[in-house]
C-alpha atoms as a PDB file:
ATOM      1  CA  UNK A   1     -13.229 -20.706   5.462  1.00  0.00           C
ATOM      2  CA  UNK A   2     -12.597 -17.170   6.699  1.00  0.00           C
ATOM      3  CA  UNK A   3     -14.883 -15.403   9.175  1.00  0.00           C
ATOM      4  CA  UNK A   4     -15.843 -12.758   6.599  1.00  0.00           C
ATOM      5  CA  UNK A   5     -16.960 -15.647   4.210  1.00  0.00           C
ATOM      6  CA  UNK A   6     -19.769 -16.625   6.634  1.00  0.00           C
ATOM      7  CA  UNK A   7     -21.335 -13.215   7.100  1.00  0.00           C
ATOM      8  CA  UNK A   8     -21.528  -9.729   5.544  1.00  0.00           C
ATOM      9  CA  UNK A   9     -21.518  -6.549   7.558  1.00  0.00           C
ATOM     10  CA  UNK A  10     -22.368  -3.116   6.110  1.00  0.00           C
ATOM     11  CA  UNK A  11     -21.528  -0.341   8.670  1.00  0.00           C
ATOM     12  CA  UNK A  12     -23.851   2.512   8.865  1.00  0.00           C
ATOM     13  CA  UNK A  13     -23.905   6.014  10.213  1.00  0.00           C
ATOM     14  CA  UNK A  14     -26.734   5.904  12.845  1.00  0.00           C
ATOM     15  CA  UNK A  15     -26.881   3.930  16.162  1.00  0.00           C
ATOM     16  CA  UNK A  16     -28.891   1.107  14.542  1.00  0.00           C
ATOM     17  CA  UNK A  17     -27.742  -2.486  13.718  1.00  0.00           C
ATOM     18  CA  UNK A  18     -30.217  -4.729  11.909  1.00  0.00           C
ATOM     19  CA  UNK A  19     -29.368  -8.386  12.278  1.00  0.00           C
ATOM     20  CA  UNK A  20     -31.039 -11.044   9.920  1.00  0.00           C
ATOM     21  CA  UNK A  21     -29.654 -14.309  11.407  1.00  0.00           C
ATOM     22  CA  UNK A  22     -31.852 -16.704   9.295  1.00  0.00           C
ATOM     23  CA  UNK A  23     -31.388 -15.256   5.874  1.00  0.00           C
ATOM     24  CA  UNK A  24     -28.544 -17.425   4.797  1.00  0.00           C
ATOM     25  CA  UNK A  25     -28.928 -20.166   2.154  1.00  0.00           C
ATOM     26  CA  UNK A  26     -25.509 -21.812   1.973  1.00  0.00           C
ATOM     27  CA  UNK A  27     -25.097 -25.438   2.976  1.00  0.00           C
ATOM     28  CA  UNK A  28     -21.493 -26.590   2.529  1.00  0.00           C
ATOM     29  CA  UNK A  29     -21.053 -29.156  -0.209  1.00  0.00           C
ATOM     30  CA  UNK A  30     -19.554 -31.652   2.149  1.00  0.00           C
ATOM     31  CA  UNK A  31     -22.663 -31.602   4.292  1.00  0.00           C
ATOM     32  CA  UNK A  32     -25.318 -31.822   1.579  1.00  0.00           C
ATOM     33  CA  UNK A  33     -25.279 -35.660   1.404  1.00  0.00           C
ATOM     34  CA  UNK A  34     -26.243 -35.866   5.039  1.00  0.00           C
ATOM     35  CA  UNK A  35     -29.530 -34.170   4.646  1.00  0.00           C
ATOM     36  CA  UNK A  36     -32.779 -35.513   3.260  1.00  0.00           C
ATOM     37  CA  UNK A  37     -33.304 -34.100  -0.264  1.00  0.00           C
ATOM     38  CA  UNK A  38     -36.120 -31.885   0.851  1.00  0.00           C
ATOM     39  CA  UNK A  39     -33.708 -29.989   3.148  1.00  0.00           C
ATOM     40  CA  UNK A  40     -31.821 -28.619   0.193  1.00  0.00           C
ATOM     41  CA  UNK A  41     -34.759 -26.403  -0.710  1.00  0.00           C
ATOM     42  CA  UNK A  42     -34.270 -24.659   2.737  1.00  0.00           C
ATOM     43  CA  UNK A  43     -37.916 -24.050   3.217  1.00  0.00           C
ATOM     44  CA  UNK A  44     -37.535 -22.554   6.693  1.00  0.00           C
ATOM     45  CA  UNK A  45     -35.225 -19.705   5.597  1.00  0.00           C
ATOM     46  CA  UNK A  46     -36.252 -16.139   6.362  1.00  0.00           C
ATOM     47  CA  UNK A  47     -36.622 -15.546   2.655  1.00  0.00           C
ATOM     48  CA  UNK A  48     -35.999 -12.107   0.940  1.00  0.00           C
ATOM     49  CA  UNK A  49     -35.582 -10.032   4.094  1.00  0.00           C
ATOM     50  CA  UNK A  50     -32.724  -7.927   2.554  1.00  0.00           C
ATOM     51  CA  UNK A  51     -35.074  -6.919  -0.346  1.00  0.00           C
ATOM     52  CA  UNK A  52     -37.984  -6.234   2.026  1.00  0.00           C
ATOM     53  CA  UNK A  53     -35.780  -4.039   4.299  1.00  0.00           C
ATOM     54  CA  UNK A  54     -34.205  -2.216   1.345  1.00  0.00           C
ATOM     55  CA  UNK A  55     -34.823   1.098   3.037  1.00  0.00           C
ATOM     56  CA  UNK A  56     -32.197   0.418   5.624  1.00  0.00           C
ATOM     57  CA  UNK A  57     -29.461   2.222   3.662  1.00  0.00           C
ATOM     58  CA  UNK A  58     -31.743   5.295   3.514  1.00  0.00           C
ATOM     59  CA  UNK A  59     -31.991   5.146   7.261  1.00  0.00           C
ATOM     60  CA  UNK A  60     -28.147   4.837   7.688  1.00  0.00           C
ATOM     61  CA  UNK A  61     -28.397   1.511   9.472  1.00  0.00           C
ATOM     62  CA  UNK A  62     -25.689  -1.128   9.868  1.00  0.00           C
ATOM     63  CA  UNK A  63     -26.774  -4.447   8.496  1.00  0.00           C
ATOM     64  CA  UNK A  64     -25.449  -7.901   9.437  1.00  0.00           C
ATOM     65  CA  UNK A  65     -26.312 -11.032   7.465  1.00  0.00           C
ATOM     66  CA  UNK A  66     -24.998 -14.581   7.470  1.00  0.00           C
ATOM     67  CA  UNK A  67     -24.356 -16.602   4.355  1.00  0.00           C
ATOM     68  CA  UNK A  68     -25.021 -20.025   5.987  1.00  0.00           C
ATOM     69  CA  UNK A  69     -28.310 -21.681   6.256  1.00  0.00           C
ATOM     70  CA  UNK A  70     -30.041 -22.164   9.597  1.00  0.00           C
ATOM     71  CA  UNK A  71     -30.139 -25.839   8.765  1.00  0.00           C
ATOM     72  CA  UNK A  72     -26.357 -25.850   9.450  1.00  0.00           C
ATOM     73  CA  UNK A  73     -26.604 -23.703  12.600  1.00  0.00           C
ATOM     74  CA  UNK A  74     -29.152 -21.446  14.153  1.00  0.00           C
ATOM     75  CA  UNK A  75     -27.491 -18.169  15.003  1.00  0.00           C
ATOM     76  CA  UNK A  76     -30.411 -17.164  17.174  1.00  0.00           C
ATOM     77  CA  UNK A  77     -29.988 -20.029  19.646  1.00  0.00           C
ATOM     78  CA  UNK A  78     -27.724 -19.972  22.733  1.00  0.00           C
ATOM     79  CA  UNK A  79     -24.324 -21.641  22.445  1.00  0.00           C
ATOM     80  CA  UNK A  80     -25.265 -24.111  25.063  1.00  0.00           C
ATOM     81  CA  UNK A  81     -28.326 -25.118  23.113  1.00  0.00           C
ATOM     82  CA  UNK A  82     -30.753 -24.367  26.014  1.00  0.00           C
ATOM     83  CA  UNK A  83     -34.415 -24.238  24.797  1.00  0.00           C
ATOM     84  CA  UNK A  84     -35.705 -20.779  24.070  1.00  0.00           C
ATOM     85  CA  UNK A  85     -39.286 -21.703  24.830  1.00  0.00           C
ATOM     86  CA  UNK A  86     -39.479 -24.380  27.509  1.00  0.00           C
ATOM     87  CA  UNK A  87     -42.461 -26.632  27.152  1.00  0.00           C
ATOM     88  CA  UNK A  88     -42.968 -25.943  23.530  1.00  0.00           C
ATOM     89  CA  UNK A  89     -41.476 -27.396  20.348  1.00  0.00           C
ATOM     90  CA  UNK A  90     -38.063 -25.971  19.841  1.00  0.00           C
ATOM     91  CA  UNK A  91     -35.459 -25.936  17.171  1.00  0.00           C
ATOM     92  CA  UNK A  92     -31.827 -26.551  18.184  1.00  0.00           C
ATOM     93  CA  UNK A  93     -28.526 -24.842  17.825  1.00  0.00           C
ATOM     94  CA  UNK A  94     -27.849 -27.254  15.022  1.00  0.00           C
ATOM     95  CA  UNK A  95     -31.454 -28.214  13.958  1.00  0.00           C
ATOM     96  CA  UNK A  96     -32.458 -31.769  13.255  1.00  0.00           C
ATOM     97  CA  UNK A  97     -36.109 -31.214  12.198  1.00  0.00           C
ATOM     98  CA  UNK A  98     -37.963 -29.029   9.769  1.00  0.00           C
ATOM     99  CA  UNK A  99     -40.561 -26.671  11.249  1.00  0.00           C
ATOM    100  CA  UNK A 100     -43.071 -29.311  10.373  1.00  0.00           C
ATOM    101  CA  UNK A 101     -41.326 -31.747  12.726  1.00  0.00           C
ATOM    102  CA  UNK A 102     -39.916 -34.283  10.161  1.00  0.00           C
ATOM    103  CA  UNK A 103     -36.129 -35.149  10.299  1.00  0.00           C
ATOM    104  CA  UNK A 104     -33.743 -32.885   8.453  1.00  0.00           C
ATOM    105  CA  UNK A 105     -31.115 -35.634   8.214  1.00  0.00           C
ATOM    106  CA  UNK A 106     -30.964 -39.116   6.746  1.00  0.00           C
ATOM    107  CA  UNK A 107     -30.779 -41.842   9.385  1.00  0.00           C
ATOM    108  CA  UNK A 108     -27.598 -41.700  11.486  1.00  0.00           C
ATOM    109  CA  UNK A 109     -26.420 -38.536   9.785  1.00  0.00           C
ATOM    110  CA  UNK A 110     -27.347 -36.003  12.543  1.00  0.00           C
ATOM    111  CA  UNK A 111     -24.470 -33.894  13.870  1.00  0.00           C
ATOM    112  CA  UNK A 112     -22.718 -35.300  16.935  1.00  0.00           C
ATOM    113  CA  UNK A 113     -21.229 -33.300  19.815  1.00  0.00           C
ATOM    114  CA  UNK A 114     -17.922 -32.869  17.915  1.00  0.00           C
ATOM    115  CA  UNK A 115     -19.593 -31.684  14.700  1.00  0.00           C
ATOM    116  CA  UNK A 116     -21.896 -29.341  16.639  1.00  0.00           C
ATOM    117  CA  UNK A 117     -18.946 -27.843  18.360  1.00  0.00           C
ATOM    118  CA  UNK A 118     -17.198 -27.380  14.966  1.00  0.00           C
ATOM    119  CA  UNK A 119     -20.090 -25.553  13.504  1.00  0.00           C
ATOM    120  CA  UNK A 120     -20.359 -23.393  16.530  1.00  0.00           C
ATOM    121  CA  UNK A 121     -16.801 -22.283  16.167  1.00  0.00           C
ATOM    122  CA  UNK A 122     -16.902 -21.896  12.373  1.00  0.00           C
ATOM    123  CA  UNK A 123     -20.245 -20.097  11.973  1.00  0.00           C
ATOM    124  CA  UNK A 124     -21.862 -19.055  15.241  1.00  0.00           C
ATOM    125  CA  UNK A 125     -18.713 -17.409  16.875  1.00  0.00           C
ATOM    126  CA  UNK A 126     -17.708 -15.188  14.007  1.00  0.00           C
ATOM    127  CA  UNK A 127     -21.273 -13.882  13.510  1.00  0.00           C
ATOM    128  CA  UNK A 128     -21.728 -13.116  17.222  1.00  0.00           C
ATOM    129  CA  UNK A 129     -18.333 -11.553  17.389  1.00  0.00           C
ATOM    130  CA  UNK A 130     -19.242  -9.176  14.546  1.00  0.00           C
ATOM    131  CA  UNK A 131     -22.534  -8.499  16.107  1.00  0.00           C
ATOM    132  CA  UNK A 132     -21.067  -7.596  19.513  1.00  0.00           C
ATOM    133  CA  UNK A 133     -18.220  -5.523  17.989  1.00  0.00           C
ATOM    134  CA  UNK A 134     -20.612  -3.440  15.827  1.00  0.00           C
ATOM    135  CA  UNK A 135     -22.923  -2.735  18.756  1.00  0.00           C
ATOM    136  CA  UNK A 136     -19.873  -1.691  20.664  1.00  0.00           C
ATOM    137  CA  UNK A 137     -18.756   0.638  17.886  1.00  0.00           C
ATOM    138  CA  UNK A 138     -22.211   2.153  17.611  1.00  0.00           C
ATOM    139  CA  UNK A 139     -22.365   2.678  21.384  1.00  0.00           C
ATOM    140  CA  UNK A 140     -18.925   4.233  21.520  1.00  0.00           C
ATOM    141  CA  UNK A 141     -19.810   6.598  18.628  1.00  0.00           C
ATOM    142  CA  UNK A 142     -23.320   7.561  19.732  1.00  0.00           C
ATOM    143  CA  UNK A 143     -23.582   6.677  23.488  1.00  0.00           C
ATOM    144  CA  UNK A 144     -26.226   4.074  22.826  1.00  0.00           C
ATOM    145  CA  UNK A 145     -27.208   1.488  20.160  1.00  0.00           C
ATOM    146  CA  UNK A 146     -30.397  -0.193  18.945  1.00  0.00           C
ATOM    147  CA  UNK A 147     -30.450  -3.652  17.653  1.00  0.00           C
ATOM    148  CA  UNK A 148     -33.336  -4.730  15.380  1.00  0.00           C
ATOM    149  CA  UNK A 149     -33.497  -8.476  14.848  1.00  0.00           C
ATOM    150  CA  UNK A 150     -35.372  -9.199  11.710  1.00  0.00           C
ATOM    151  CA  UNK A 151     -37.222 -12.500  11.028  1.00  0.00           C
ATOM    152  CA  UNK A 152     -40.068 -13.954   9.065  1.00  0.00           C
ATOM    153  CA  UNK A 153     -41.991 -17.261   9.133  1.00  0.00           C
ATOM    154  CA  UNK A 154     -44.797 -19.101   7.530  1.00  0.00           C
ATOM    155  CA  UNK A 155     -48.130 -18.071   8.707  1.00  0.00           C
ATOM    156  CA  UNK A 156     -49.195 -21.501  10.013  1.00  0.00           C
ATOM    157  CA  UNK A 157     -46.831 -24.204  11.343  1.00  0.00           C
ATOM    158  CA  UNK A 158     -48.790 -26.558  13.705  1.00  0.00           C
ATOM    159  CA  UNK A 159     -45.638 -28.260  15.058  1.00  0.00           C
ATOM    160  CA  UNK A 160     -44.415 -24.948  16.480  1.00  0.00           C
ATOM    161  CA  UNK A 161     -47.636 -23.156  17.366  1.00  0.00           C
ATOM    162  CA  UNK A 162     -51.393 -23.439  17.258  1.00  0.00           C
ATOM    163  CA  UNK A 163     -53.426 -21.635  14.640  1.00  0.00           C
ATOM    164  CA  UNK A 164     -52.414 -18.596  12.693  1.00  0.00           C
ATOM    165  CA  UNK A 165     -49.770 -16.193  13.682  1.00  0.00           C
ATOM    166  CA  UNK A 166     -50.411 -12.474  13.971  1.00  0.00           C
ATOM    167  CA  UNK A 167     -48.987 -10.624  10.985  1.00  0.00           C
ATOM    168  CA  UNK A 168     -46.328  -8.890  13.115  1.00  0.00           C
ATOM    169  CA  UNK A 169     -44.921 -10.272  16.376  1.00  0.00           C
ATOM    170  CA  UNK A 170     -42.828  -7.749  18.298  1.00  0.00           C
ATOM    171  CA  UNK A 171     -40.528  -9.285  20.870  1.00  0.00           C
ATOM    172  CA  UNK A 172     -38.680  -7.612  23.752  1.00  0.00           C
ATOM    173  CA  UNK A 173     -38.024 -10.442  26.202  1.00  0.00           C
ATOM    174  CA  UNK A 174     -41.162  -9.512  27.969  1.00  0.00           C
ATOM    175  CA  UNK A 175     -39.906  -5.948  28.364  1.00  0.00           C
ATOM    176  CA  UNK A 176     -36.311  -6.846  29.497  1.00  0.00           C
ATOM    177  CA  UNK A 177     -34.414  -6.103  26.180  1.00  0.00           C
ATOM    178  CA  UNK A 178     -35.646  -2.593  25.294  1.00  0.00           C
ATOM    179  CA  UNK A 179     -36.785   0.601  27.098  1.00  0.00           C
ATOM    180  CA  UNK A 180     -40.518   0.771  27.345  1.00  0.00           C
ATOM    181  CA  UNK A 181     -40.677   4.012  25.292  1.00  0.00           C
ATOM    182  CA  UNK A 182     -39.096   2.296  22.332  1.00  0.00           C
ATOM    183  CA  UNK A 183     -41.573  -0.630  22.493  1.00  0.00           C
ATOM    184  CA  UNK A 184     -44.442   1.934  22.788  1.00  0.00           C
ATOM    185  CA  UNK A 185     -43.192   3.763  19.666  1.00  0.00           C
ATOM    186  CA  UNK A 186     -43.099   0.556  17.634  1.00  0.00           C
ATOM    187  CA  UNK A 187     -46.631  -0.483  18.741  1.00  0.00           C
ATOM    188  CA  UNK A 188     -47.860   3.018  18.015  1.00  0.00           C
ATOM    189  CA  UNK A 189     -46.425   2.816  14.526  1.00  0.00           C
ATOM    190  CA  UNK A 190     -48.426  -0.466  14.005  1.00  0.00           C
ATOM    191  CA  UNK A 191     -51.611   1.229  15.173  1.00  0.00           C
ATOM    192  CA  UNK A 192     -51.661   3.438  12.017  1.00  0.00           C
ATOM    193  CA  UNK A 193     -51.959   0.287   9.997  1.00  0.00           C
ATOM    194  CA  UNK A 194     -54.888  -1.616  11.412  1.00  0.00           C
ATOM    195  CA  UNK A 195     -55.049  -3.950   8.418  1.00  0.00           C
ATOM    196  CA  UNK A 196     -52.061  -5.823   9.913  1.00  0.00           C
ATOM    197  CA  UNK A 197     -52.533  -7.785  13.131  1.00  0.00           C
ATOM    198  CA  UNK A 198     -49.873  -7.366  15.807  1.00  0.00           C
ATOM    199  CA  UNK A 199     -48.773  -8.984  19.002  1.00  0.00           C
ATOM    200  CA  UNK A 200     -46.231  -7.848  21.663  1.00  0.00           C
ATOM    201  CA  UNK A 201     -44.325 -10.539  23.464  1.00  0.00           C
ATOM    202  CA  UNK A 202     -46.805 -13.235  22.439  1.00  0.00           C
ATOM    203  CA  UNK A 203     -45.508 -16.603  20.942  1.00  0.00           C
ATOM    204  CA  UNK A 204     -42.314 -14.797  19.924  1.00  0.00           C
ATOM    205  CA  UNK A 205     -40.647 -12.880  22.848  1.00  0.00           C
ATOM    206  CA  UNK A 206     -37.266 -12.672  21.067  1.00  0.00           C
ATOM    207  CA  UNK A 207     -34.629 -15.375  20.591  1.00  0.00           C
ATOM    208  CA  UNK A 208     -31.136 -15.516  21.923  1.00  0.00           C
ATOM    209  CA  UNK A 209     -29.901 -12.388  20.154  1.00  0.00           C
ATOM    210  CA  UNK A 210     -32.627 -10.197  21.521  1.00  0.00           C
ATOM    211  CA  UNK A 211     -32.373 -11.613  24.967  1.00  0.00           C
ATOM    212  CA  UNK A 212     -28.653 -11.591  25.218  1.00  0.00           C
ATOM    213  CA  UNK A 213     -27.658  -8.279  23.504  1.00  0.00           C
ATOM    214  CA  UNK A 214     -30.674  -6.166  24.782  1.00  0.00           C
ATOM    215  CA  UNK A 215     -29.288  -4.579  27.877  1.00  0.00           C
ATOM    216  CA  UNK A 216     -31.004  -1.278  28.393  1.00  0.00           C
ATOM    217  CA  UNK A 217     -28.961  -0.506  31.556  1.00  0.00           C
ATOM    218  CA  UNK A 218     -25.931  -0.665  29.341  1.00  0.00           C
ATOM    219  CA  UNK A 219     -27.634   1.530  26.670  1.00  0.00           C
ATOM    220  CA  UNK A 220     -28.150  -1.249  24.218  1.00  0.00           C
ATOM    221  CA  UNK A 221     -31.795  -1.886  23.253  1.00  0.00           C
ATOM    222  CA  UNK A 222     -32.934  -4.842  21.299  1.00  0.00           C
ATOM    223  CA  UNK A 223     -36.244  -5.524  19.525  1.00  0.00           C
ATOM    224  CA  UNK A 224     -37.128  -8.660  17.502  1.00  0.00           C
ATOM    225  CA  UNK A 225     -39.751  -8.589  14.750  1.00  0.00           C
ATOM    226  CA  UNK A 226     -41.104 -11.876  13.545  1.00  0.00           C
ATOM    227  CA  UNK A 227     -43.462 -11.310  10.512  1.00  0.00           C
ATOM    228  CA  UNK A 228     -45.616 -13.660   8.511  1.00  0.00           C
ATOM    229  CA  UNK A 229     -44.170 -14.445   5.057  1.00  0.00           C
ATOM    230  CA  UNK A 230     -47.703 -14.264   3.503  1.00  0.00           C
ATOM    231  CA  UNK A 231     -47.306 -10.468   3.736  1.00  0.00           C
ATOM    232  CA  UNK A 232     -44.660 -10.288   1.028  1.00  0.00           C
ATOM    233  CA  UNK A 233     -43.990 -13.706  -0.620  1.00  0.00           C
ATOM    234  CA  UNK A 234     -45.245 -17.163  -1.610  1.00  0.00           C
ATOM    235  CA  UNK A 235     -44.990 -19.409   1.431  1.00  0.00           C
ATOM    236  CA  UNK A 236     -44.486 -22.553  -0.778  1.00  0.00           C
ATOM    237  CA  UNK A 237     -41.769 -23.372  -3.245  1.00  0.00           C
ATOM    238  CA  UNK A 238     -40.246 -21.614  -5.169  1.00  0.00           C
ATOM    239  CA  UNK A 239     -40.769 -19.137  -2.320  1.00  0.00           C
ATOM    240  CA  UNK A 240     -41.188 -16.162  -4.718  1.00  0.00           C
ATOM    241  CA  UNK A 241     -40.984 -12.504  -3.581  1.00  0.00           C
ATOM    242  CA  UNK A 242     -44.422 -10.855  -4.190  1.00  0.00           C
ATOM    243  CA  UNK A 243     -43.599  -7.250  -4.896  1.00  0.00           C
ATOM    244  CA  UNK A 244     -47.210  -6.112  -4.997  1.00  0.00           C
ATOM    245  CA  UNK A 245     -47.972  -7.467  -1.536  1.00  0.00           C
ATOM    246  CA  UNK A 246     -44.527  -6.272  -0.256  1.00  0.00           C
ATOM    247  CA  UNK A 247     -45.247  -2.614  -1.123  1.00  0.00           C
ATOM    248  CA  UNK A 248     -48.341  -2.691   1.228  1.00  0.00           C
ATOM    249  CA  UNK A 249     -46.291  -3.618   4.276  1.00  0.00           C
ATOM    250  CA  UNK A 250     -42.950  -1.908   3.560  1.00  0.00           C
ATOM    251  CA  UNK A 251     -44.106   1.526   4.651  1.00  0.00           C
ATOM    252  CA  UNK A 252     -45.171   0.048   8.035  1.00  0.00           C
ATOM    253  CA  UNK A 253     -41.963  -1.818   8.397  1.00  0.00           C
ATOM    254  CA  UNK A 254     -39.929   1.305   7.703  1.00  0.00           C
ATOM    255  CA  UNK A 255     -42.036   3.338  10.159  1.00  0.00           C
ATOM    256  CA  UNK A 256     -41.543   0.737  12.899  1.00  0.00           C
ATOM    257  CA  UNK A 257     -37.759   0.789  12.536  1.00  0.00           C
ATOM    258  CA  UNK A 258     -37.584   4.542  12.207  1.00  0.00           C
ATOM    259  CA  UNK A 259     -39.907   5.093  15.162  1.00  0.00           C
ATOM    260  CA  UNK A 260     -37.813   2.852  17.410  1.00  0.00           C
ATOM    261  CA  UNK A 261     -34.701   4.758  16.348  1.00  0.00           C
ATOM    262  CA  UNK A 262     -36.295   8.115  16.989  1.00  0.00           C
ATOM    263  CA  UNK A 263     -37.526   6.965  20.379  1.00  0.00           C
ATOM    264  CA  UNK A 264     -34.026   5.832  21.219  1.00  0.00           C
ATOM    265  CA  UNK A 265     -32.678   9.156  20.214  1.00  0.00           C
ATOM    266  CA  UNK A 266     -35.221  10.975  22.471  1.00  0.00           C
ATOM    267  CA  UNK A 267     -34.318   8.664  25.336  1.00  0.00           C
ATOM    268  CA  UNK A 268     -30.701   9.850  25.260  1.00  0.00           C
ATOM    269  CA  UNK A 269     -31.214  13.520  24.332  1.00  0.00           C
ATOM    270  CA  UNK A 270     -29.074  15.759  26.517  1.00  0.00           C
END
């Protein structure tokens, strides 16, 4: 399988790259028999984000998306599989459980160390090589780059967190991955839409992508947005897109991304 077969990259004209690492829905045929049947529905996918973010072309953003399901490999986990949230329930580089805690694999079919290394080489490395290369291209062209890491999740998942999530969870690695002015601009954009609850660096502070690539001192800023799927889709199978609900949140989503980009531009005005 070629690198280009495991992701798609659309290069844009502004210093903005949007990554959607959990949008993929492909599980290779040779792996399917190892999973419990339920896994093939891929319930923990970040469903429909490309459609929800359909304004990115208008903004001139670059967009990076994998084709492979997070059940094969989680592109937002570190290559050494270190826990992102110590002390809490975590999903691995090659997940072995659903978000509800039950096993993804049939007994004895979990990936061993050799298989995990194979998947890391085949899927994780090409995606991250493309991500790093595009950020470097944008930085070379504009002098800086903004990485927006887009995610969505079911509103309530007791195995991972208590209670109901805020509608919109903004993560900047507790302020380490993006300049404070960018974060403030995103938070201010949310304030104009009080019907949606928001949190900054709460349960979701940003995964590996945000923490690793967000280096403000190197003029690369990274922001993660985790949003509740109840805002734009059905959270149970068949996980249908809800256009009516989506139209209510899309203006805010666009304003958040655009505000971050504008704040970044102001940060580097000469």
